[in-house]
Amino acid sequence: MDPILAEIYSTVLTAAPFVIAAYALLFLILLVYVAFILTKLKTTEKKIDALAEHVEELQAK
């Protein structure tokens, strides 16, 4: 193997756990954000449905 490539690979391989951990952390943060948004979306949909029912009741009077 070329000594230059061996040096590059040794540098990259020692940093690999940090890169993997950074991507895993980013993925976890993204997953939590999506779950938070979905929860808020479901709550908002319930409120909009309740409001629509209330408006229909008021219009029926």
Protein backbone atom coordinates (compact mmCIF):
# COMPACT_ATOMS: atom_id res chain seq x y z
CA MET A 1 0.00 0.00 0.00
CA ASP A 2 1.11 3.51 -0.75
CA PRO A 3 2.51 5.19 2.40
CA ILE A 4 0.53 8.38 1.67
CA LEU A 5 -2.72 6.44 1.48
CA ALA A 6 -1.83 4.56 4.67
CA GLU A 7 -1.36 7.88 6.46
CA ILE A 8 -4.67 9.24 5.12
CA TYR A 9 -6.54 6.08 6.12
CA SER A 10 -5.04 6.11 9.60
CA THR A 11 -6.16 9.71 10.05
CA VAL A 12 -9.68 9.03 8.75
CA LEU A 13 -10.19 5.82 10.68
CA THR A 14 -9.31 7.40 14.02
CA ALA A 15 -11.90 10.14 13.42
CA ALA A 16 -14.62 7.76 12.20
CA PRO A 17 -16.31 7.21 15.62
CA PHE A 18 -16.73 10.96 16.04
CA VAL A 19 -18.25 11.34 12.60
CA ILE A 20 -20.61 8.44 13.19
CA ALA A 21 -21.61 9.86 16.57
CA ALA A 22 -22.25 13.27 15.03
CA TYR A 23 -24.50 11.80 12.33
CA ALA A 24 -26.33 9.68 14.91
CA LEU A 25 -26.91 12.73 17.10
CA LEU A 26 -28.16 14.72 14.13
CA PHE A 27 -30.51 11.91 13.16
CA LEU A 28 -31.82 11.65 16.72
CA ILE A 29 -32.46 15.40 16.91
CA LEU A 30 -34.27 15.29 13.57
CA LEU A 31 -36.38 12.34 14.73
CA VAL A 32 -37.38 14.15 17.94
CA TYR A 33 -38.23 17.29 15.95
CA VAL A 34 -40.47 15.36 13.54
CA ALA A 35 -42.23 13.63 16.44
CA PHE A 36 -42.80 17.01 18.12
CA ILE A 37 -44.22 18.51 14.92
CA LEU A 38 -46.52 15.52 14.37
CA THR A 39 -47.83 15.81 17.94
CA LYS A 40 -48.55 19.51 17.46
CA LEU A 41 -50.20 18.80 14.10
CA LYS A 42 -52.56 16.23 15.61
CA THR A 43 -53.48 18.63 18.42
CA THR A 44 -54.15 21.41 15.93
CA GLU A 45 -56.30 19.12 13.77
CA LYS A 46 -58.41 18.19 16.82
CA LYS A 47 -58.87 21.87 17.69
CA ILE A 48 -59.85 22.74 14.12
CA ASP A 49 -62.39 19.90 14.04
CA ALA A 50 -63.89 21.05 17.36
CA LEU A 51 -64.05 24.62 16.09
CA ALA A 52 -65.72 23.52 12.84
CA GLU A 53 -68.35 21.58 14.82
CA HIS A 54 -68.99 24.60 17.01
CA VAL A 55 -69.39 26.87 13.98
CA GLU A 56 -71.84 24.38 12.43
CA GLU A 57 -73.85 24.36 15.67
CA LEU A 58 -73.96 28.16 15.73
CA GLN A 59 -75.04 28.34 12.08
CA ALA A 60 -77.81 25.79 12.70
CA LYS A 61 -79.43 28.05 15.33
